[in-house]
Amino acid sequence: MDKRISKLASNLLNHSVKLLKGETILIEMIGTDSINLANELIKQSKEIGAIPMLNIIDYKILKELLLNCNEEQIKEYAKHDLERMKNADAYIGIRSANPKELEGIPKENMEIYNKYYQKPIHLEERVNNTKWCILRYPNEWLAKQAKMSLKAFTDFFYDVCTIDYGKMEKAMEPLKLLLSNTKNVHIKGAGTDLTFSVEGIPAEKYFGTYNIPDGEVASCPTKFSSNGYITYNTETAYNGIIFNNIYFEFKDGKIIKAEAGDKTKELNEILDTDEGARYIGEFALGLNPYIKNTMGDTLFDEKIAGSFHFTPGTALEESDNGNRSNIHWDIVCIQTPEFGGGEIYFDDVLVRKDGKFVLEELKPLNPENLI
């Protein structure tokens, strides 16, 4: 077994979810490539004196379950998993499955699954009532996504996942304070000119406690304040559908126009899931210095140094604007020079230009200072 697995497991249990003796932890494998990490998590959980539980989800089997499903079936399926989540003090979810394996499931079926399984179990119970962390696991599919060999991607994976998150947390504090005390944000870039208010919305820093890899400071627009337009320059997936070059136009907080080339119809179907899906639930700045390029996986892409994400759907509890939805879709825009650059202003003061912070108190967050 790769010795780095033991270090990663220890970080997950002791830093991310801070597992304590006597607590119950649910370890969920989505795909089966992460068996070694799951075994190590179970072993170390027992050494702590905690009680581990295990769940395994295979996308090929899940697809069969969701094809021709009905509301009653998914409610019954969710009932048992919801009870298990309610019994968990902590949760670690490891995904090594390819989301493209879910392609072909009818839209109505995915909506049933998201509403009666994903929302009550994950968006509500897990997020609000457990100490949780989710991560990917290096395999051939993720390596291909990153356009790397498996060995190169595995080395990259452990670099981004075992960075000094304590150092990152300290460097984030000035940005958290500045964003928490900001009234208005203005983002300019290629195909983007967007304004919104974050007044009264607390900012939060994420440094390996909810996601691995991690590295973002997040807030949220007030629900009806977003105006202008944004063009995202990264690939993103939702419900097994791959999207590129998503364009949103906003008026008084609502997405009134949405385009994605030949996937425009599918994009608008997702945004019509419910009323909250066309409003924004998160604005965050990506800060992980080891992640420099997109690989089509949100958990990595939303942490890209020099990026931001602007998220349709339900708001996070820590930075809550009151928006509620069955979706939460982190879509990423990179503003480094290689991706067209861009500027971010807080209350008309330039904060970041072409992916680099320009204020002295924020410069420790630039990649060269975090590595």
Protein backbone atom coordinates (compact mmCIF):
# COMPACT_ATOMS: atom_id res chain seq x y z
CA MET A 1 0.00 0.00 0.00
CA ASP A 2 1.22 3.50 -0.84
CA LYS A 3 2.43 5.01 2.45
CA ARG A 4 0.79 8.28 1.49
CA ILE A 5 -2.60 6.61 1.94
CA SER A 6 -1.95 6.31 5.68
CA LYS A 7 -1.10 10.04 5.91
CA LEU A 8 -4.18 11.00 3.89
CA ALA A 9 -6.43 8.82 6.07
CA SER A 10 -4.98 10.39 9.21
CA ASN A 11 -5.52 13.91 7.84
CA LEU A 12 -9.12 13.08 6.91
CA LEU A 13 -9.96 11.63 10.33
CA ASN A 14 -8.00 14.01 12.56
CA HIS A 15 -8.04 17.30 10.62
CA SER A 16 -11.08 17.16 8.33
CA VAL A 17 -13.77 15.52 10.48
CA LYS A 18 -11.94 15.51 13.84
CA LEU A 19 -13.23 12.05 14.70
CA LEU A 20 -13.51 11.29 18.42
CA LYS A 21 -13.67 8.14 20.49
CA GLY A 22 -17.20 6.74 20.63
CA GLU A 23 -18.41 8.58 17.51
CA THR A 24 -19.92 6.81 14.50
CA ILE A 25 -18.47 7.50 11.05
CA LEU A 26 -19.98 6.56 7.68
CA ILE A 27 -17.34 5.84 5.03
CA GLU A 28 -18.95 5.82 1.58
CA MET A 29 -17.18 4.57 -1.53
CA ILE A 30 -18.62 5.76 -4.86
CA GLY A 31 -16.81 3.34 -7.14
CA THR A 32 -14.50 0.60 -5.89
CA ASP A 33 -11.00 1.84 -6.76
CA SER A 34 -10.59 3.40 -3.31
CA ILE A 35 -10.64 0.12 -1.33
CA ASN A 36 -7.16 0.70 0.13
CA LEU A 37 -8.10 4.13 1.47
CA ALA A 38 -11.43 2.84 2.83
CA ASN A 39 -9.63 0.01 4.60
CA GLU A 40 -7.15 2.44 6.14
CA LEU A 41 -9.94 4.77 7.26
CA ILE A 42 -11.74 1.86 8.93
CA LYS A 43 -8.53 0.70 10.60
CA GLN A 44 -7.61 4.15 11.92
CA SER A 45 -11.21 4.83 13.00
CA LYS A 46 -11.14 1.76 15.18
CA GLU A 47 -7.76 2.78 16.61
CA ILE A 48 -9.35 6.12 17.62
CA GLY A 49 -12.12 4.16 19.31
CA ALA A 50 -14.82 5.23 16.85
CA ILE A 51 -17.42 3.04 15.16
CA PRO A 52 -17.04 2.83 11.34
CA MET A 53 -19.88 2.08 8.92
CA LEU A 54 -19.41 1.37 5.20
CA ASN A 55 -21.51 2.00 2.09
CA ILE A 56 -20.54 1.21 -1.51
CA ILE A 57 -22.26 2.76 -4.54
CA ASP A 58 -21.49 1.56 -8.08
CA TYR A 59 -22.73 3.93 -10.81
CA LYS A 60 -23.56 1.08 -13.20
CA ILE A 61 -25.86 -0.44 -10.58
CA LEU A 62 -27.25 2.98 -9.58
CA LYS A 63 -28.07 3.66 -13.25
CA GLU A 64 -30.06 0.44 -13.46
CA LEU A 65 -31.90 1.42 -10.28
CA LEU A 66 -32.81 4.85 -11.67
CA LEU A 67 -33.91 3.70 -15.13
CA ASN A 68 -37.70 3.37 -15.09
CA CYS A 69 -37.81 4.24 -11.38
CA ASN A 70 -40.72 5.95 -9.71
CA GLU A 71 -41.14 8.25 -6.74
CA GLU A 72 -42.22 5.47 -4.37
CA GLN A 73 -39.13 3.34 -5.11
CA ILE A 74 -36.68 6.18 -4.53
CA LYS A 75 -38.42 7.28 -1.33
CA GLU A 76 -38.12 3.72 0.01
CA TYR A 77 -34.46 3.51 -1.05
CA ALA A 78 -33.74 6.87 0.58
CA LYS A 79 -35.55 6.01 3.82
CA HIS A 80 -32.96 3.46 4.90
CA ASP A 81 -29.91 5.49 3.85
CA LEU A 82 -31.34 8.59 5.55
CA GLU A 83 -31.68 6.69 8.81
CA ARG A 84 -28.05 5.56 8.57
CA MET A 85 -26.92 9.15 7.89
CA LYS A 86 -28.90 10.34 10.92
CA ASN A 87 -26.97 7.85 13.05
CA ALA A 88 -23.59 9.12 11.77
CA ASP A 89 -21.56 11.71 13.66
CA ALA A 90 -19.10 12.00 10.74
CA TYR A 91 -19.06 11.18 7.04
CA ILE A 92 -16.26 10.68 4.51
CA GLY A 93 -17.27 10.18 0.87
CA ILE A 94 -14.67 8.88 -1.61
CA ARG A 95 -15.55 9.02 -5.30
CA SER A 96 -13.65 7.11 -7.94
CA ALA A 97 -16.59 6.52 -10.30
CA ASN A 98 -16.94 8.16 -13.72
CA PRO A 99 -20.06 10.40 -13.79
CA LYS A 100 -20.45 9.66 -17.51
CA GLU A 101 -21.67 6.21 -16.42
CA LEU A 102 -24.92 7.92 -15.44
CA GLU A 103 -25.57 9.28 -18.95
CA GLY A 104 -28.84 8.12 -20.45
CA ILE A 105 -30.97 8.33 -17.31
CA PRO A 106 -34.16 10.26 -18.14
CA LYS A 107 -34.29 13.80 -16.78
CA GLU A 108 -37.48 13.08 -14.80
CA ASN A 109 -35.82 10.15 -13.06
CA MET A 110 -32.78 12.24 -12.08
CA GLU A 111 -35.10 14.88 -10.67
CA ILE A 112 -36.85 12.24 -8.55
CA TYR A 113 -33.47 10.98 -7.33
CA ASN A 114 -32.15 14.47 -6.55
CA LYS A 115 -35.35 15.48 -4.75
CA TYR A 116 -36.02 12.37 -2.68
CA TYR A 117 -32.51 10.95 -2.19
CA GLN A 118 -29.73 13.50 -2.69
CA LYS A 119 -31.49 16.47 -1.11
CA PRO A 120 -32.71 14.92 2.19
CA ILE A 121 -29.66 12.72 2.73
CA HIS A 122 -26.80 14.91 1.52
CA LEU A 123 -27.89 18.54 1.06
CA GLU A 124 -29.81 18.52 4.34
CA GLU A 125 -28.88 15.73 6.80
CA ARG A 126 -25.19 15.25 5.95
CA VAL A 127 -24.35 18.90 5.36
CA ASN A 128 -26.22 20.21 8.39
CA ASN A 129 -25.83 17.46 10.98
CA THR A 130 -22.53 15.63 10.47
CA LYS A 131 -18.83 16.44 10.39
CA TRP A 132 -18.24 15.64 6.72
CA CYS A 133 -15.59 15.60 4.03
CA ILE A 134 -15.68 14.42 0.41
CA LEU A 135 -12.79 13.62 -1.91
CA ARG A 136 -11.83 11.87 -5.14
CA TYR A 137 -9.40 8.97 -5.44
CA PRO A 138 -6.70 8.62 -8.13
CA ASN A 139 -7.55 6.13 -10.87
CA GLU A 140 -7.25 5.74 -14.64
CA TRP A 141 -10.41 7.76 -15.34
CA LEU A 142 -9.34 10.79 -13.27
CA ALA A 143 -5.81 10.60 -14.71
CA LYS A 144 -7.30 10.69 -18.20
CA GLN A 145 -9.47 13.67 -17.21
CA ALA A 146 -6.33 15.48 -16.05
CA LYS A 147 -4.43 14.44 -19.22
CA MET A 148 -1.76 12.75 -17.11
CA SER A 149 -0.38 9.27 -16.64
CA LEU A 150 -1.78 7.48 -13.60
CA LYS A 151 1.57 7.81 -11.79
CA ALA A 152 1.84 11.54 -12.53
CA PHE A 153 -1.75 12.13 -11.50
CA THR A 154 -1.31 10.13 -8.28
CA ASP A 155 1.70 12.27 -7.33
CA PHE A 156 -0.31 15.41 -8.17
CA PHE A 157 -3.25 14.11 -6.12
CA TYR A 158 -1.18 13.67 -2.97
CA ASP A 159 0.46 17.08 -3.44
CA VAL A 160 -2.89 18.88 -3.58
CA CYS A 161 -4.50 16.76 -0.86
CA THR A 162 -1.73 16.94 1.73
CA ILE A 163 -0.72 20.61 1.36
CA ASP A 164 -0.15 22.49 4.63
CA TYR A 165 -3.78 23.43 5.27
CA GLY A 166 -2.83 25.10 8.56
CA LYS A 167 -0.65 27.61 6.69
CA MET A 168 -3.42 28.09 4.13
CA GLU A 169 -5.99 28.76 6.85
CA LYS A 170 -3.90 31.58 8.37
CA ALA A 171 -3.33 33.17 4.96
CA MET A 172 -7.09 33.06 4.26
CA GLU A 173 -8.11 35.07 7.33
CA PRO A 174 -7.57 38.58 5.83
CA LEU A 175 -9.59 37.62 2.73
CA LYS A 176 -12.38 36.22 4.88
CA LEU A 177 -12.52 39.45 6.92
CA LEU A 178 -12.38 41.67 3.83
CA LEU A 179 -15.13 39.75 2.01
CA SER A 180 -17.31 39.65 5.13
CA ASN A 181 -17.14 43.46 5.31
CA THR A 182 -17.65 44.08 1.59
CA LYS A 183 -20.93 45.43 0.23
CA ASN A 184 -20.56 45.10 -3.54
CA VAL A 185 -18.54 42.85 -5.87
CA HIS A 186 -17.77 43.53 -9.54
CA ILE A 187 -16.24 40.84 -11.77
CA LYS A 188 -14.90 41.63 -15.23
CA GLY A 189 -13.32 39.32 -17.77
CA ALA A 190 -13.68 37.67 -21.15
CA GLY A 191 -17.43 37.43 -21.74
CA THR A 192 -18.11 38.52 -18.16
CA ASP A 193 -19.33 41.75 -16.58
CA LEU A 194 -21.16 40.93 -13.37
CA THR A 195 -22.14 42.89 -10.27
CA PHE A 196 -23.77 41.72 -7.04
CA SER A 197 -24.03 42.54 -3.34
CA VAL A 198 -22.68 40.39 -0.49
CA GLU A 199 -23.70 42.88 2.21
CA GLY A 200 -24.65 41.12 5.43
CA ILE A 201 -23.52 37.69 4.17
CA PRO A 202 -20.66 36.19 6.24
CA ALA A 203 -17.68 34.79 4.34
CA GLU A 204 -16.16 31.45 5.27
CA LYS A 205 -12.81 29.79 4.64
CA TYR A 206 -12.43 26.15 3.57
CA PHE A 207 -9.09 24.51 4.26
CA GLY A 208 -9.50 20.74 4.17
CA THR A 209 -12.46 20.44 6.50
CA TYR A 210 -15.21 19.69 3.94
CA ASN A 211 -13.36 18.90 0.71
CA ILE A 212 -10.06 17.28 -0.14
CA PRO A 213 -8.42 18.85 -2.08
CA ASP A 214 -9.46 22.20 -0.67
CA GLY A 215 -8.67 25.88 -0.79
CA GLU A 216 -11.43 28.46 -1.16
CA VAL A 217 -12.97 31.43 0.59
CA ALA A 218 -16.70 31.60 -0.03
CA SER A 219 -19.59 34.01 0.39
CA CYS A 220 -22.90 34.42 -1.42
CA PRO A 221 -24.70 37.19 -3.32
CA THR A 222 -27.83 38.53 -1.70
CA LYS A 223 -30.57 36.70 -3.54
CA PHE A 224 -31.88 39.45 -5.83
CA SER A 225 -28.69 41.48 -6.40
CA SER A 226 -26.89 39.78 -9.33
CA ASN A 227 -26.98 41.71 -12.58
CA GLY A 228 -24.98 41.39 -15.79
CA TYR A 229 -23.56 38.33 -17.49
CA ILE A 230 -20.92 35.63 -17.02
CA THR A 231 -19.19 33.19 -19.37
CA TYR A 232 -17.64 30.16 -17.67
CA ASN A 233 -14.49 28.80 -19.33
CA THR A 234 -14.27 25.32 -17.81
CA GLU A 235 -15.97 22.01 -18.53
CA THR A 236 -18.55 20.97 -15.96
CA ALA A 237 -20.89 18.00 -15.50
CA TYR A 238 -24.37 17.74 -14.02
CA ASN A 239 -26.61 14.66 -13.99
CA GLY A 240 -23.99 12.93 -16.13
CA ILE A 241 -24.20 15.61 -18.87
CA ILE A 242 -20.99 17.43 -19.88
CA PHE A 243 -21.26 21.19 -20.50
CA ASN A 244 -18.80 23.71 -21.95
CA ASN A 245 -18.84 27.51 -22.33
CA ILE A 246 -21.91 28.08 -20.18
CA TYR A 247 -23.28 31.64 -20.45
CA PHE A 248 -25.67 33.16 -17.90
CA GLU A 249 -27.40 36.54 -18.01
CA PHE A 250 -28.83 37.92 -14.76
CA LYS A 251 -31.52 40.42 -13.88
CA ASP A 252 -32.28 41.13 -10.21
CA GLY A 253 -30.63 37.92 -9.11
CA LYS A 254 -32.32 35.57 -11.56
CA ILE A 255 -30.77 33.77 -14.53
CA ILE A 256 -32.97 35.06 -17.36
CA LYS A 257 -30.87 33.65 -20.19
CA ALA A 258 -28.75 30.49 -20.22
CA GLU A 259 -26.78 29.05 -23.14
CA ALA A 260 -24.35 26.18 -23.60
CA GLY A 261 -24.08 25.55 -27.33
CA ASP A 262 -25.75 22.29 -28.34
CA LYS A 263 -26.53 21.58 -24.64
CA THR A 264 -28.62 24.74 -24.14
CA LYS A 265 -31.85 22.74 -23.86
CA GLU A 266 -30.39 20.42 -21.22
CA LEU A 267 -28.93 23.40 -19.33
CA ASN A 268 -32.29 25.13 -19.10
CA GLU A 269 -34.00 21.93 -18.04
CA ILE A 270 -31.64 21.75 -15.04
CA LEU A 271 -32.26 25.42 -14.22
CA ASP A 272 -36.00 24.77 -14.35
CA THR A 273 -35.73 22.08 -11.65
CA ASP A 274 -37.32 24.49 -9.18
CA GLU A 275 -37.60 28.23 -8.50
CA GLY A 276 -34.30 28.42 -6.59
CA ALA A 277 -32.24 26.83 -9.36
CA ARG A 278 -32.11 30.11 -11.31
CA TYR A 279 -30.72 32.05 -8.32
CA ILE A 280 -27.18 31.92 -6.96
CA GLY A 281 -26.24 30.07 -3.77
CA GLU A 282 -22.47 30.63 -3.58
CA PHE A 283 -19.63 32.88 -4.73
CA ALA A 284 -16.12 31.63 -3.92
CA LEU A 285 -12.48 32.25 -4.82
CA GLY A 286 -10.22 29.25 -5.59
CA LEU A 287 -6.82 29.23 -3.87
CA ASN A 288 -5.04 25.85 -4.12
CA PRO A 289 -1.61 26.58 -5.63
CA TYR A 290 -1.08 23.04 -6.92
CA ILE A 291 -4.24 23.11 -9.05
CA LYS A 292 -3.57 25.22 -12.11
CA ASN A 293 -5.70 23.75 -14.86
CA THR A 294 -9.15 22.33 -15.38
CA MET A 295 -9.79 18.59 -15.48
CA GLY A 296 -13.57 18.52 -15.70
CA ASP A 297 -14.07 17.50 -12.08
CA THR A 298 -15.65 20.16 -9.89
CA LEU A 299 -13.98 19.10 -6.65
CA PHE A 300 -10.59 19.92 -8.20
CA ASP A 301 -11.60 22.68 -10.61
CA GLU A 302 -13.35 24.89 -8.02
CA LYS A 303 -10.06 25.09 -6.06
CA ILE A 304 -7.91 26.27 -9.01
CA ALA A 305 -5.68 29.15 -7.97
CA GLY A 306 -6.89 32.27 -9.76
CA SER A 307 -10.42 30.97 -10.29
CA PHE A 308 -13.85 31.73 -8.88
CA HIS A 309 -17.13 29.83 -8.95
CA PHE A 310 -20.61 31.27 -9.12
CA THR A 311 -23.10 28.60 -8.12
CA PRO A 312 -26.74 28.23 -9.14
CA GLY A 313 -28.90 26.61 -6.49
CA THR A 314 -29.19 26.23 -2.77
CA ALA A 315 -27.08 28.39 -0.46
CA LEU A 316 -24.51 27.07 2.01
CA GLU A 317 -25.43 27.21 5.68
CA GLU A 318 -22.29 29.18 6.51
CA SER A 319 -23.01 31.93 3.93
CA ASP A 320 -26.76 31.79 3.61
CA ASN A 321 -28.78 34.15 1.41
CA GLY A 322 -32.01 32.20 1.92
CA ASN A 323 -32.09 30.57 -1.51
CA ARG A 324 -33.28 26.96 -1.55
CA SER A 325 -33.16 24.45 -4.39
CA ASN A 326 -32.68 20.77 -5.14
CA ILE A 327 -29.46 21.67 -6.97
CA HIS A 328 -26.11 23.21 -5.98
CA TRP A 329 -23.89 23.42 -9.06
CA ASP A 330 -20.38 24.82 -8.66
CA ILE A 331 -19.41 26.14 -12.11
CA VAL A 332 -15.89 27.53 -12.43
CA CYS A 333 -14.33 30.47 -14.26
CA ILE A 334 -10.51 30.81 -14.33
CA GLN A 335 -8.99 34.30 -14.58
CA THR A 336 -5.28 33.56 -15.00
CA PRO A 337 -3.65 35.03 -18.13
CA GLU A 338 -3.71 31.62 -19.86
CA PHE A 339 -7.52 31.67 -19.58
CA GLY A 340 -8.07 35.26 -20.67
CA GLY A 341 -7.45 37.09 -17.39
CA GLY A 342 -9.94 39.22 -15.51
CA GLU A 343 -10.46 41.49 -12.53
CA ILE A 344 -12.38 41.32 -9.26
CA TYR A 345 -13.33 44.46 -7.32
CA PHE A 346 -14.64 44.72 -3.76
CA ASP A 347 -16.44 48.05 -3.25
CA ASP A 348 -14.70 49.46 -6.35
CA VAL A 349 -11.21 48.50 -5.07
CA LEU A 350 -9.23 46.10 -7.28
CA VAL A 351 -8.58 42.95 -5.23
CA ARG A 352 -7.41 40.40 -7.81
CA LYS A 353 -6.10 40.88 -11.35
CA ASP A 354 -5.44 38.02 -13.78
CA GLY A 355 -5.71 35.52 -10.93
CA LYS A 356 -3.22 37.24 -8.58
CA PHE A 357 -4.16 39.19 -5.44
CA VAL A 358 -2.87 42.76 -5.53
CA LEU A 359 -3.59 43.94 -1.97
CA GLU A 360 -0.61 43.48 0.36
CA GLU A 361 -2.59 41.65 3.06
CA LEU A 362 -3.84 39.15 0.47
CA LYS A 363 -0.57 38.44 -1.35
CA PRO A 364 0.27 35.49 0.99
CA LEU A 365 -2.57 33.68 -0.84
CA ASN A 366 -0.82 33.89 -4.20
CA PRO A 367 0.49 30.47 -5.35
CA GLU A 368 4.18 31.24 -4.94
CA ASN A 369 3.60 32.01 -1.26
CA LEU A 370 1.49 28.94 -0.38
CA ILE A 371 3.67 26.18 -1.84
